[in-house]
């Protein structure tokens, strides 16, 4: 099966990429080389990229300082954690911050909180938070960068372009940051359809018109020999435009400062028959639905969908590359991924494997992405730890799934320094007996691995004992939204994906399309369809991804780590009156909209 598909550039990067440094408010401009500056060690750690050490250094300074400098140091620690993508640690420190002695720091605190909103998959909440902020002059750049991140995470690329143009006007004295912003602005323009660019051209701002006009000119210049003349005409119309600093020279030299819009071919390798047929079909259909929503047959790339059930992974992969694939998505099965990577130090084209497999060595061009339950369990345990719990009971079912989730709970908890009081394993027919065996175990948190039916039997046992209960997404079925049934889950906090808990407008459109085509399968496999959607949409970032690159997906905030794996951040919700209610990044229950 072959379809046309456009591979778009990445959606967005961390707002700290290329950003200017901002001095501590009230402390004056500082130089790490000056021995009189108490922050010199922390700043040196930041320059080295050691954000954990930087945060700890700021915290140490805070413990010895008095307000309001103490609050500045604590806030600097939060910002260092955010720069290092350590969102759990940032949450803990932000929750402790008392700005009563330093109200002037509130805009800065709100910017940090908005970054955490984005990291937890809530860009709309971040934008609402930022609307209440009037940043002082020294914080206008971080404010604008955070707003851009939120707009890009929402998929609101038109407003993001306008915001990046405004950011350029704030970066006129910082050339490296200005050029980095131009690069991101150009990549955004490459993602926007002609119809929206044409509409954007109608606004009065000459600088925005110049950027859009240049993007359209390059996109529709089919002959390289005509491009110099077209660029010369553009420069005559926009003689002082910021793009003349860097984008125009690159184009004049025959270089393309972003991903080319030329034809691409994507191979999608899935086991479409056999044991994983249903899951593979849901991934395929989510993938194609996202492609169709992205322009479908009007775009100029191709997707080659192949059934690889029972075939040699390396052989199928090499055939796809030989046939012109510039990007490969798949395989799905763990054995096939191992087979593909065996003996390899690098793959010939960027490859997104749809599962996680430990690798004995790093394989360049191999990225791994999945919905692994044990990875969710790690995130859930970290959340419980961040909420201040230190003694936990692990409750999981018999079988391979329960073994993986239970091991992830225990390993994560003990690595943090917590105490696992007991691991209780249950079967579907002995839950009451197993729970009674717990007696009056002294603990302050329960880490639960369970599906909805079992969770409804287990949770009441602990809520009656005033214990905090945390679960993975398995506890919740969005197909069974019945408060009368889910009241037994009252108080349970669990992590899930935005697609399920708070879908944005683009997700709702995709869900409507998918449910119309496959209503029965969607009810049972909604998360797998979202996985397929993200497998397509994350290709925007794949080609140029580096550690720390982020993509706000339908399954959560996806962050590329040092191994090329995508770590998935969860959205959090708590059962209240039988309804799963999403929570904001600061732990406050969101009001129904």
Protein backbone atom coordinates (compact mmCIF):
# COMPACT_ATOMS: atom_id res chain seq x y z
CA UNK A 1 0.00 0.00 0.00
CA UNK A 2 1.43 3.37 -1.00
CA UNK A 3 0.05 6.77 -0.03
CA UNK A 4 1.34 10.30 -0.45
CA UNK A 5 2.61 11.95 2.71
CA UNK A 6 4.52 15.07 3.62
CA UNK A 7 7.18 14.82 6.30
CA UNK A 8 7.08 18.08 8.18
CA UNK A 9 9.91 19.70 10.14
CA UNK A 10 9.95 19.47 13.88
CA UNK A 11 7.23 21.15 15.92
CA UNK A 12 9.30 22.98 18.49
CA UNK A 13 12.42 22.92 20.71
CA UNK A 14 13.05 23.75 24.32
CA UNK A 15 12.57 27.47 24.86
CA UNK A 16 16.06 27.64 26.34
CA UNK A 17 17.69 26.78 23.03
CA UNK A 18 19.47 29.93 22.05
CA UNK A 19 17.88 32.04 24.75
CA UNK A 20 19.59 34.91 26.41
CA UNK A 21 20.89 34.71 29.95
CA UNK A 22 18.98 36.74 32.50
CA UNK A 23 20.59 38.03 35.70
CA UNK A 24 19.05 37.45 39.07
CA UNK A 25 16.53 40.21 39.69
CA UNK A 26 17.95 42.78 41.99
CA UNK A 27 21.41 41.26 42.03
CA UNK A 28 22.83 43.23 39.11
CA UNK A 29 24.64 41.85 36.07
CA UNK A 30 26.92 39.08 37.21
CA UNK A 31 30.03 37.44 35.79
CA UNK A 32 30.85 33.84 36.80
CA UNK A 33 34.51 34.78 36.77
CA UNK A 34 34.04 37.27 39.58
CA UNK A 35 34.84 35.60 42.86
CA UNK A 36 32.55 38.05 44.67
CA UNK A 37 29.52 36.56 42.93
CA UNK A 38 28.02 33.82 45.15
CA UNK A 39 26.24 32.29 42.12
CA UNK A 40 29.44 31.72 40.13
CA UNK A 41 29.54 27.97 40.82
CA UNK A 42 25.88 27.48 39.91
CA UNK A 43 26.31 29.49 36.73
CA UNK A 44 29.39 27.55 35.77
CA UNK A 45 27.46 24.31 36.20
CA UNK A 46 24.73 25.71 33.93
CA UNK A 47 27.28 26.67 31.29
CA UNK A 48 28.55 23.08 31.40
CA UNK A 49 25.02 21.70 31.03
CA UNK A 50 25.11 20.17 34.54
CA UNK A 51 21.70 21.51 35.59
CA UNK A 52 21.26 19.13 38.53
CA UNK A 53 24.45 20.44 40.15
CA UNK A 54 23.41 24.01 39.33
CA UNK A 55 20.02 23.54 41.01
CA UNK A 56 21.59 22.04 44.13
CA UNK A 57 24.05 24.92 44.27
CA UNK A 58 21.22 27.46 44.14
CA UNK A 59 19.33 25.58 46.86
CA UNK A 60 22.43 25.60 49.06
CA UNK A 61 22.71 29.36 48.57
CA UNK A 62 19.03 29.78 49.42
CA UNK A 63 19.38 27.99 52.74
CA UNK A 64 21.94 30.59 53.83
CA UNK A 65 20.25 33.68 52.38
CA UNK A 66 17.50 35.94 53.67
CA UNK A 67 14.39 37.12 51.80
CA UNK A 68 14.01 38.26 49.10
CA UNK A 69 17.34 36.88 47.87
CA UNK A 70 16.43 33.50 49.31
CA UNK A 71 13.36 33.30 47.07
CA UNK A 72 15.46 34.32 44.03
CA UNK A 73 17.84 31.45 44.65
CA UNK A 74 15.03 28.92 45.08
CA UNK A 75 13.45 30.16 41.85
CA UNK A 76 16.80 29.86 40.08
CA UNK A 77 16.92 26.23 41.24
CA UNK A 78 13.48 25.63 39.69
CA UNK A 79 14.69 27.14 36.41
CA UNK A 80 17.80 24.95 36.41
CA UNK A 81 15.66 21.86 36.90
CA UNK A 82 13.48 22.96 33.98
CA UNK A 83 16.51 23.51 31.76
CA UNK A 84 17.58 19.95 32.54
CA UNK A 85 14.06 18.54 31.86
CA UNK A 86 13.84 17.42 35.50
CA UNK A 87 10.16 18.22 35.82
CA UNK A 88 9.45 16.22 38.98
CA UNK A 89 12.20 18.04 40.84
CA UNK A 90 10.99 21.37 39.46
CA UNK A 91 7.48 20.62 40.70
CA UNK A 92 8.73 19.83 44.21
CA UNK A 93 10.78 23.02 44.49
CA UNK A 94 8.06 25.19 42.95
CA UNK A 95 5.47 23.87 45.38
CA UNK A 96 7.71 24.86 48.29
CA UNK A 97 8.27 28.41 47.06
CA UNK A 98 6.69 31.10 49.23
CA UNK A 99 6.76 34.46 47.48
CA UNK A 100 5.09 36.44 50.24
CA UNK A 101 8.42 38.13 51.14
CA UNK A 102 9.21 38.73 47.44
CA UNK A 103 6.05 39.54 45.43
CA UNK A 104 8.18 41.14 42.70
CA UNK A 105 9.21 37.60 41.69
CA UNK A 106 5.65 36.55 40.85
CA UNK A 107 6.01 37.09 37.04
CA UNK A 108 9.14 34.97 37.03
CA UNK A 109 7.44 32.27 39.09
CA UNK A 110 4.45 32.24 36.71
CA UNK A 111 6.74 31.82 33.70
CA UNK A 112 8.35 28.81 35.38
CA UNK A 113 4.90 27.40 36.25
CA UNK A 114 3.80 27.86 32.63
CA UNK A 115 6.83 25.87 31.46
CA UNK A 116 5.79 23.10 33.80
CA UNK A 117 2.24 23.26 32.39
CA UNK A 118 3.66 22.72 28.90
CA UNK A 119 5.86 19.87 30.11
CA UNK A 120 2.78 18.14 31.51
CA UNK A 121 0.79 18.50 28.31
CA UNK A 122 -1.34 21.52 29.22
CA UNK A 123 -0.35 24.35 26.85
CA UNK A 124 -3.77 26.02 27.11
CA UNK A 125 -3.33 26.34 30.88
CA UNK A 126 0.15 27.80 30.27
CA UNK A 127 -1.27 30.45 27.93
CA UNK A 128 -4.01 31.32 30.41
CA UNK A 129 -1.38 31.68 33.13
CA UNK A 130 0.82 33.90 30.95
CA UNK A 131 -2.11 36.19 30.12
CA UNK A 132 -2.12 37.22 33.78
CA UNK A 133 1.58 38.16 33.74
CA UNK A 134 3.11 41.56 32.97
CA UNK A 135 6.81 40.70 32.75
CA UNK A 136 9.46 43.23 33.76
CA UNK A 137 11.86 44.22 30.95
CA UNK A 138 14.53 41.68 31.91
CA UNK A 139 11.99 38.83 31.66
CA UNK A 140 10.28 39.73 28.39
CA UNK A 141 12.43 37.32 26.39
CA UNK A 142 11.78 34.23 28.60
CA UNK A 143 8.10 35.25 28.72
CA UNK A 144 7.88 35.44 24.93
CA UNK A 145 9.78 32.16 24.49
CA UNK A 146 7.43 30.36 26.89
CA UNK A 147 4.41 31.74 25.07
CA UNK A 148 5.86 30.45 21.78
CA UNK A 149 6.38 26.99 23.25
CA UNK A 150 2.77 26.88 24.39
CA UNK A 151 1.44 28.01 21.01
CA UNK A 152 3.57 25.45 19.17
CA UNK A 153 2.52 22.71 21.59
CA UNK A 154 -1.09 23.63 20.83
CA UNK A 155 -0.40 23.36 17.13
CA UNK A 156 -1.23 27.05 16.70
CA UNK A 157 1.60 27.64 14.27
CA UNK A 158 0.25 30.86 12.75
CA UNK A 159 0.23 32.67 16.09
CA UNK A 160 3.59 31.06 16.90
CA UNK A 161 5.06 32.65 13.76
CA UNK A 162 3.75 36.05 14.83
CA UNK A 163 5.15 35.52 18.33
CA UNK A 164 8.57 34.57 16.96
CA UNK A 165 8.62 37.71 14.80
CA UNK A 166 7.92 39.72 17.97
CA UNK A 167 10.68 37.80 19.78
CA UNK A 168 13.20 38.78 17.09
CA UNK A 169 12.59 42.43 17.94
CA UNK A 170 13.61 41.67 21.54
CA UNK A 171 16.83 39.91 20.51
CA UNK A 172 18.47 42.61 18.40
CA UNK A 173 21.50 42.83 20.73
CA UNK A 174 21.99 39.07 21.05
CA UNK A 175 22.99 37.81 17.61
CA UNK A 176 23.29 34.06 18.44
CA UNK A 177 19.81 34.03 20.00
CA UNK A 178 18.43 36.08 17.10
CA UNK A 179 19.80 33.63 14.51
CA UNK A 180 18.48 30.65 16.47
CA UNK A 181 15.03 32.25 16.55
CA UNK A 182 15.17 32.90 12.79
CA UNK A 183 15.98 29.23 12.25
CA UNK A 184 12.97 28.12 14.27
CA UNK A 185 10.74 30.71 12.58
CA UNK A 186 11.75 29.41 9.15
CA UNK A 187 10.98 25.83 10.20
CA UNK A 188 7.55 26.90 11.43
CA UNK A 189 6.78 28.58 8.13
CA UNK A 190 7.69 25.38 6.30
CA UNK A 191 4.96 23.54 8.22
CA UNK A 192 2.06 25.91 7.50
CA UNK A 193 -0.19 25.20 4.47
CA UNK A 194 -0.36 27.74 1.65
CA UNK A 195 -3.92 28.76 2.50
CA UNK A 196 -2.95 29.83 6.03
CA UNK A 197 0.22 31.56 4.82
CA UNK A 198 -1.81 33.52 2.26
CA UNK A 199 -4.22 34.60 5.01
CA UNK A 200 -1.26 35.64 7.16
CA UNK A 201 0.03 37.79 4.29
CA UNK A 202 -3.09 39.98 4.56
CA UNK A 203 -2.18 41.41 7.93
CA UNK A 204 -0.64 44.85 8.07
CA UNK A 205 2.69 44.04 9.75
CA UNK A 206 5.35 44.37 7.06
CA UNK A 207 7.89 42.17 8.83
CA UNK A 208 5.46 39.22 9.03
CA UNK A 209 4.51 39.74 5.39
CA UNK A 210 8.18 39.56 4.43
CA UNK A 211 8.73 36.25 6.16
CA UNK A 212 5.59 34.72 4.66
CA UNK A 213 6.35 36.05 1.19
CA UNK A 214 9.85 34.56 1.34
CA UNK A 215 8.54 31.18 2.49
CA UNK A 216 6.00 31.05 -0.35
CA UNK A 217 8.61 32.17 -2.85
CA UNK A 218 11.04 29.40 -1.92
CA UNK A 219 8.32 26.78 -1.66
CA UNK A 220 7.03 27.42 -5.19
CA UNK A 221 10.30 28.13 -6.95
CA UNK A 222 10.56 24.94 -9.00
CA UNK A 223 13.67 26.00 -10.96
CA UNK A 224 16.88 26.69 -9.06
CA UNK A 225 18.04 28.99 -11.87
CA UNK A 226 15.13 31.37 -11.18
CA UNK A 227 15.70 31.58 -7.43
CA UNK A 228 18.45 34.29 -7.50
CA UNK A 229 16.21 36.63 -9.50
CA UNK A 230 13.24 35.97 -7.22
CA UNK A 231 15.36 36.61 -4.13
CA UNK A 232 16.63 39.85 -5.65
CA UNK A 233 13.07 41.00 -6.27
CA UNK A 234 12.12 40.05 -2.71
CA UNK A 235 15.03 42.09 -1.30
CA UNK A 236 13.93 45.11 -3.31
CA UNK A 237 10.50 44.89 -1.71
CA UNK A 238 11.83 44.17 1.83
CA UNK A 239 15.24 45.90 1.92
CA UNK A 240 15.67 46.07 5.71
CA UNK A 241 14.02 42.77 6.57
CA UNK A 242 15.65 40.65 9.34
CA UNK A 243 15.79 37.61 7.01
CA UNK A 244 18.54 39.39 5.04
CA UNK A 245 20.85 38.73 8.00
CA UNK A 246 21.00 34.95 7.64
CA UNK A 247 18.21 33.26 5.65
CA UNK A 248 18.77 35.15 2.39
CA UNK A 249 22.56 34.54 2.34
CA UNK A 250 22.01 30.82 2.92
CA UNK A 251 19.49 30.66 0.07
CA UNK A 252 21.82 32.61 -2.21
CA UNK A 253 24.56 30.07 -1.51
CA UNK A 254 22.25 27.29 -2.60
CA UNK A 255 21.73 26.04 0.96
CA UNK A 256 18.32 25.22 2.39
CA UNK A 257 18.17 26.42 6.02
CA UNK A 258 15.41 23.97 6.91
CA UNK A 259 14.13 20.56 5.90
CA UNK A 260 13.48 20.48 2.14
CA UNK A 261 9.91 20.21 0.96
CA UNK A 262 11.01 17.81 -1.76
CA UNK A 263 9.41 14.39 -1.99
CA UNK A 264 10.09 11.91 0.82
CA UNK A 265 9.23 8.26 1.21
CA UNK A 266 8.30 6.76 4.57
CA UNK A 267 8.19 3.02 5.18
CA UNK A 268 5.70 1.90 7.87
CA UNK A 269 6.59 -1.64 8.95
CA UNK A 270 3.88 -3.37 11.04
CA UNK A 271 2.78 -6.95 11.87
CA UNK A 272 -0.62 -6.62 10.20
CA UNK A 273 -1.44 -10.32 10.55
CA UNK A 274 -0.95 -12.77 13.39
CA UNK A 275 -0.82 -12.13 17.13
CA UNK A 276 -0.58 -8.31 17.03
CA UNK A 277 -2.90 -7.74 14.07
CA UNK A 278 -5.47 -5.62 15.94
CA UNK A 279 -2.89 -3.37 17.61
CA UNK A 280 -0.93 -2.96 14.36
CA UNK A 281 -4.06 -2.00 12.46
CA UNK A 282 -4.95 0.61 15.09
CA UNK A 283 -1.44 2.10 14.84
CA UNK A 284 -1.68 2.12 11.05
CA UNK A 285 -5.10 3.75 11.04
CA UNK A 286 -4.08 6.41 13.58
CA UNK A 287 -0.96 7.09 11.53
CA UNK A 288 -2.94 7.48 8.29
CA UNK A 289 -5.61 9.62 9.99
CA UNK A 290 -2.90 12.03 11.16
CA UNK A 291 -1.38 12.03 7.66
CA UNK A 292 -4.77 12.78 6.12
CA UNK A 293 -5.42 15.62 8.58
CA UNK A 294 -2.01 17.01 7.67
CA UNK A 295 -2.93 17.48 4.03
CA UNK A 296 -3.16 13.90 2.81
CA UNK A 297 -2.93 13.43 -0.93
CA UNK A 298 -2.22 17.13 -1.48
CA UNK A 299 1.25 16.59 -0.05
CA UNK A 300 4.21 15.26 -1.96
CA UNK A 301 5.69 12.40 0.05
CA UNK A 302 4.84 8.73 -0.03
CA UNK A 303 4.21 6.18 2.67
CA UNK A 304 4.79 2.50 2.00
CA UNK A 305 2.85 0.34 4.48
CA UNK A 306 4.12 -3.24 4.73
CA UNK A 307 3.01 -6.31 6.67
CA UNK A 308 6.20 -7.70 8.20
CA UNK A 309 4.66 -10.59 10.14
CA UNK A 310 7.09 -13.53 10.22
CA UNK A 311 9.64 -11.78 8.00
CA UNK A 312 13.29 -11.04 8.66
CA UNK A 313 13.41 -7.50 10.06
CA UNK A 314 16.82 -6.63 8.64
CA UNK A 315 15.87 -7.89 5.18
CA UNK A 316 12.55 -6.01 5.05
CA UNK A 317 14.21 -2.87 6.39
CA UNK A 318 16.99 -2.97 3.79
CA UNK A 319 14.47 -3.53 1.00
CA UNK A 320 12.53 -0.46 2.16
CA UNK A 321 15.70 1.66 2.15
CA UNK A 322 16.71 0.30 -1.27
CA UNK A 323 13.26 1.30 -2.55
CA UNK A 324 13.90 4.89 -1.51
CA UNK A 325 12.64 5.15 2.07
CA UNK A 326 14.12 8.20 3.76
CA UNK A 327 12.43 7.46 7.10
CA UNK A 328 11.31 4.12 8.56
CA UNK A 329 8.59 3.71 11.22
CA UNK A 330 8.62 0.30 12.91
CA UNK A 331 9.10 -2.52 13.67
CA UNK A 332 6.63 -3.00 16.53
CA UNK A 333 7.69 -6.36 17.99
CA UNK A 334 10.62 -6.37 20.39
CA UNK A 335 12.32 -9.36 18.76
CA UNK A 336 12.19 -7.63 15.38
CA UNK A 337 13.75 -4.46 16.82
CA UNK A 338 16.58 -6.49 18.33
CA UNK A 339 17.05 -8.29 15.03
CA UNK A 340 17.18 -5.00 13.15
CA UNK A 341 19.73 -3.42 15.50
CA UNK A 342 21.87 -6.54 15.98
CA UNK A 343 25.50 -5.82 15.16
CA UNK A 344 24.71 -2.27 13.99
CA UNK A 345 26.40 0.93 15.12
CA UNK A 346 24.22 3.04 12.83
CA UNK A 347 21.14 2.66 10.63
CA UNK A 348 21.12 4.21 7.14
CA UNK A 349 18.03 6.41 7.66
CA UNK A 350 16.20 7.80 10.72
CA UNK A 351 14.16 4.93 12.16
CA UNK A 352 11.38 5.13 14.75
CA UNK A 353 10.94 1.73 16.42
CA UNK A 354 7.50 1.34 18.01
CA UNK A 355 8.61 -0.34 21.22
CA UNK A 356 11.37 -0.14 23.81
CA UNK A 357 14.19 -2.69 23.83
CA UNK A 358 17.39 -2.36 25.92
CA UNK A 359 20.35 -2.04 23.56
CA UNK A 360 23.86 -3.28 24.39
CA UNK A 361 25.27 -0.29 22.53
CA UNK A 362 24.08 3.00 21.04
CA UNK A 363 22.74 2.69 17.49
CA UNK A 364 22.77 5.98 15.58
CA UNK A 365 19.56 6.87 13.71
CA UNK A 366 17.51 4.49 15.88
CA UNK A 367 14.81 6.06 18.03
CA UNK A 368 12.44 4.09 20.26
CA UNK A 369 8.90 5.10 21.19
CA UNK A 370 6.13 3.11 22.84
CA UNK A 371 3.38 2.84 25.43
CA UNK A 372 5.31 0.54 27.75
CA UNK A 373 3.45 -0.04 31.07
CA UNK A 374 6.68 -0.29 33.06
CA UNK A 375 7.73 3.18 31.88
CA UNK A 376 4.38 4.54 33.00
CA UNK A 377 4.95 2.86 36.36
CA UNK A 378 8.27 4.68 36.74
CA UNK A 379 6.54 8.03 36.14
CA UNK A 380 3.76 7.18 38.58
CA UNK A 381 6.24 6.25 41.31
CA UNK A 382 8.17 9.49 40.76
CA UNK A 383 4.92 11.43 41.08
CA UNK A 384 4.09 9.77 44.39
CA UNK A 385 7.60 10.53 45.62
CA UNK A 386 7.32 14.17 44.50
CA UNK A 387 4.09 14.43 46.51
CA UNK A 388 6.11 13.71 49.64
CA UNK A 389 5.40 10.01 50.28
CA UNK A 390 8.21 7.78 51.50
CA UNK A 391 6.63 4.44 52.51
CA UNK A 392 4.71 2.51 49.89
CA UNK A 393 2.83 -0.72 49.26
CA UNK A 394 2.99 -2.14 45.74
CA UNK A 395 -0.15 -3.96 44.55
CA UNK A 396 -0.02 -5.69 41.16
CA UNK A 397 -1.71 -8.65 39.41
CA UNK A 398 -0.23 -12.05 38.69
CA UNK A 399 1.41 -12.50 35.30
CA UNK A 400 4.01 -10.88 33.07
CA UNK A 401 2.28 -7.48 32.98
CA UNK A 402 2.09 -7.30 36.78
CA UNK A 403 5.71 -8.45 37.09
CA UNK A 404 6.94 -5.64 34.82
CA UNK A 405 4.85 -2.95 36.51
CA UNK A 406 5.69 -4.16 40.02
CA UNK A 407 9.43 -4.26 39.30
CA UNK A 408 9.30 -0.72 37.89
CA UNK A 409 7.41 0.54 40.95
CA UNK A 410 9.86 -1.09 43.40
CA UNK A 411 13.08 -0.17 41.56
CA UNK A 412 12.08 3.46 41.11
CA UNK A 413 10.90 3.82 44.71
CA UNK A 414 14.01 2.33 46.25
CA UNK A 415 16.32 4.33 43.97
CA UNK A 416 14.71 7.49 45.32
CA UNK A 417 15.42 6.29 48.86
CA UNK A 418 11.90 5.18 49.68
CA UNK A 419 10.82 2.06 51.56
CA UNK A 420 8.62 -0.59 49.95
CA UNK A 421 6.70 -2.01 52.89
CA UNK A 422 5.25 -4.88 50.93
CA UNK A 423 4.50 -6.12 47.41
CA UNK A 424 1.09 -7.76 47.22
CA UNK A 425 0.26 -9.89 44.16
CA UNK A 426 -3.37 -10.71 43.47
CA UNK A 427 -5.37 -12.87 41.10
CA UNK A 428 -8.77 -12.11 39.65
CA UNK A 429 -10.46 -14.56 42.05
CA UNK A 430 -8.66 -13.81 45.34
CA UNK A 431 -8.56 -10.02 45.66
CA UNK A 432 -10.50 -9.87 48.92
CA UNK A 433 -8.33 -12.53 50.52
CA UNK A 434 -5.13 -10.82 49.41
CA UNK A 435 -6.25 -7.44 50.73
CA UNK A 436 -7.20 -8.86 54.10
CA UNK A 437 -3.70 -10.35 54.33
CA UNK A 438 -2.30 -6.82 54.33
CA UNK A 439 -3.80 -6.28 57.76
CA UNK A 440 -3.00 -2.85 59.14
CA UNK A 441 0.22 -2.32 57.20
CA UNK A 442 1.64 1.12 58.00
CA UNK A 443 2.19 3.08 54.80
CA UNK A 444 1.36 6.45 53.27
CA UNK A 445 1.09 5.51 49.58
CA UNK A 446 -0.15 2.66 47.42
CA UNK A 447 1.32 2.07 43.96
CA UNK A 448 -1.36 0.19 42.06
CA UNK A 449 -1.20 -1.85 38.89
CA UNK A 450 -4.74 -2.83 37.90
CA UNK A 451 -7.36 -2.69 35.18
CA UNK A 452 -10.68 -0.91 35.88
CA UNK A 453 -12.66 -3.91 37.17
CA UNK A 454 -9.96 -4.95 39.64
CA UNK A 455 -9.19 -1.34 40.57
CA UNK A 456 -12.82 -0.82 41.64
CA UNK A 457 -12.44 -3.73 44.04
CA UNK A 458 -9.03 -2.70 45.41
CA UNK A 459 -9.22 1.10 45.82
CA UNK A 460 -12.02 1.21 48.47
CA UNK A 461 -9.93 -0.98 50.76
CA UNK A 462 -7.24 1.73 50.92
CA UNK A 463 -9.30 4.92 50.70
CA UNK A 464 -11.03 3.87 53.87
CA UNK A 465 -7.60 3.91 55.54
CA UNK A 466 -6.65 7.41 54.35
CA UNK A 467 -3.87 6.21 52.09
CA UNK A 468 -2.88 8.02 48.88
CA UNK A 469 -3.36 5.74 45.88
CA UNK A 470 -1.52 6.10 42.57
CA UNK A 471 -2.14 4.14 39.39
CA UNK A 472 -1.10 3.86 35.76
CA UNK A 473 -3.46 4.57 32.86
CA UNK A 474 -4.63 0.94 33.02
CA UNK A 475 -7.02 1.85 35.87
CA UNK A 476 -9.14 4.02 33.58
CA UNK A 477 -11.33 3.11 30.65
CA UNK A 478 -12.54 6.21 28.83
CA UNK A 479 -15.14 3.95 27.17
CA UNK A 480 -16.81 3.45 30.60
CA UNK A 481 -17.53 7.00 31.77
CA UNK A 482 -20.09 6.04 34.36
CA UNK A 483 -19.79 7.88 37.67
CA UNK A 484 -21.96 5.24 39.34
CA UNK A 485 -19.32 2.60 38.57
CA UNK A 486 -16.26 4.79 39.03
CA UNK A 487 -17.23 6.10 42.46
CA UNK A 488 -15.32 3.12 43.84
CA UNK A 489 -12.17 4.75 42.43
CA UNK A 490 -12.71 7.94 44.45
CA UNK A 491 -9.45 9.73 45.26
CA UNK A 492 -7.27 7.60 42.98
CA UNK A 493 -4.59 9.69 41.21
CA UNK A 494 -3.40 8.30 37.87
CA UNK A 495 -1.37 9.32 34.85
CA UNK A 496 -2.74 9.08 31.33
CA UNK A 497 -2.47 10.79 27.94
CA UNK A 498 -4.01 14.14 26.86
CA UNK A 499 -5.85 12.26 24.07
CA UNK A 500 -7.91 10.53 26.79
CA UNK A 501 -8.14 13.12 29.57
CA UNK A 502 -8.25 16.50 27.82
CA UNK A 503 -8.11 16.25 24.02
CA UNK A 504 -7.42 19.51 22.20
CA UNK A 505 -9.28 20.62 19.07
CA UNK A 506 -7.02 18.70 16.67
CA UNK A 507 -7.35 15.55 18.78
CA UNK A 508 -11.14 15.86 18.82
CA UNK A 509 -11.19 16.12 15.03
CA UNK A 510 -8.99 13.06 14.67
CA UNK A 511 -11.06 11.12 17.20
CA UNK A 512 -14.23 11.94 15.31
CA UNK A 513 -12.70 10.72 12.04
CA UNK A 514 -11.40 7.49 13.58
CA UNK A 515 -14.61 6.69 15.48
CA UNK A 516 -16.67 7.12 12.32
CA UNK A 517 -14.51 4.57 10.53
CA UNK A 518 -13.81 2.06 13.31
CA UNK A 519 -16.29 2.67 16.19
CA UNK A 520 -16.00 -0.75 17.86
CA UNK A 521 -12.22 -0.99 17.72
CA UNK A 522 -11.78 2.60 18.87
CA UNK A 523 -13.64 2.04 22.13
CA UNK A 524 -11.21 -0.70 23.11
CA UNK A 525 -8.01 0.66 21.59
CA UNK A 526 -8.29 4.46 21.73
CA UNK A 527 -4.80 4.87 23.20
CA UNK A 528 -3.26 2.75 20.45
CA UNK A 529 -4.82 4.99 17.81
CA UNK A 530 -3.28 7.99 19.62
CA UNK A 531 0.05 6.14 19.52
CA UNK A 532 -0.30 5.87 15.73
CA UNK A 533 -1.09 9.58 15.51
CA UNK A 534 2.04 10.47 17.48
CA UNK A 535 4.16 8.05 15.44
CA UNK A 536 3.33 10.20 12.42
CA UNK A 537 3.44 13.62 14.06
CA UNK A 538 6.74 13.11 15.88
CA UNK A 539 8.45 12.62 12.52
CA UNK A 540 8.49 16.42 12.40
CA UNK A 541 11.20 16.40 15.02
CA UNK A 542 12.89 13.08 14.28
CA UNK A 543 15.36 14.12 11.60
CA UNK A 544 16.96 16.87 13.66
CA UNK A 545 16.23 15.61 17.17
CA UNK A 546 18.86 15.81 19.86
CA UNK A 547 18.77 15.11 23.61
CA UNK A 548 16.19 17.42 25.19
CA UNK A 549 14.21 18.03 21.99
CA UNK A 550 10.51 17.92 22.82
CA UNK A 551 7.29 17.29 20.94
CA UNK A 552 3.87 17.82 22.51
CA UNK A 553 2.05 14.70 21.39
CA UNK A 554 -1.41 13.27 21.84
CA UNK A 555 0.03 10.57 24.12
CA UNK A 556 1.93 13.09 26.27
CA UNK A 557 4.97 15.34 26.18
CA UNK A 558 7.64 13.41 24.27
CA UNK A 559 11.28 14.17 25.13
CA UNK A 560 14.27 12.66 23.31
CA UNK A 561 16.79 11.33 25.81
CA UNK A 562 20.51 10.62 25.38
CA UNK A 563 19.85 7.13 23.98
CA UNK A 564 17.46 8.36 21.32
CA UNK A 565 14.44 7.01 23.20
CA UNK A 566 11.34 9.15 23.62
CA UNK A 567 10.39 9.59 27.27
CA UNK A 568 6.66 10.21 27.61
CA UNK A 569 5.34 12.66 30.20
CA UNK A 570 1.85 11.94 31.54
CA UNK A 571 -1.14 14.12 32.26
CA UNK A 572 -2.56 13.64 35.76
CA UNK A 573 -6.15 13.16 36.89
CA UNK A 574 -7.98 12.26 40.08
CA UNK A 575 -11.34 10.53 40.45
CA UNK A 576 -13.81 12.92 42.06
CA UNK A 577 -17.46 11.91 42.39
CA UNK A 578 -16.85 9.10 39.93
CA UNK A 579 -15.34 11.32 37.22
CA UNK A 580 -11.70 11.48 36.14
CA UNK A 581 -10.82 15.17 36.64
CA UNK A 582 -7.54 16.44 35.08
CA UNK A 583 -5.18 18.37 37.32
CA UNK A 584 -3.04 21.42 36.59
CA UNK A 585 0.74 21.34 36.91
CA UNK A 586 0.60 22.75 40.43
CA UNK A 587 -1.66 19.92 41.58
CA UNK A 588 -4.86 21.97 41.61
CA UNK A 589 -7.97 20.33 40.22
CA UNK A 590 -9.01 21.92 36.92
CA UNK A 591 -12.49 23.35 36.70
CA UNK A 592 -14.82 21.99 34.07
CA UNK A 593 -14.71 24.20 30.97
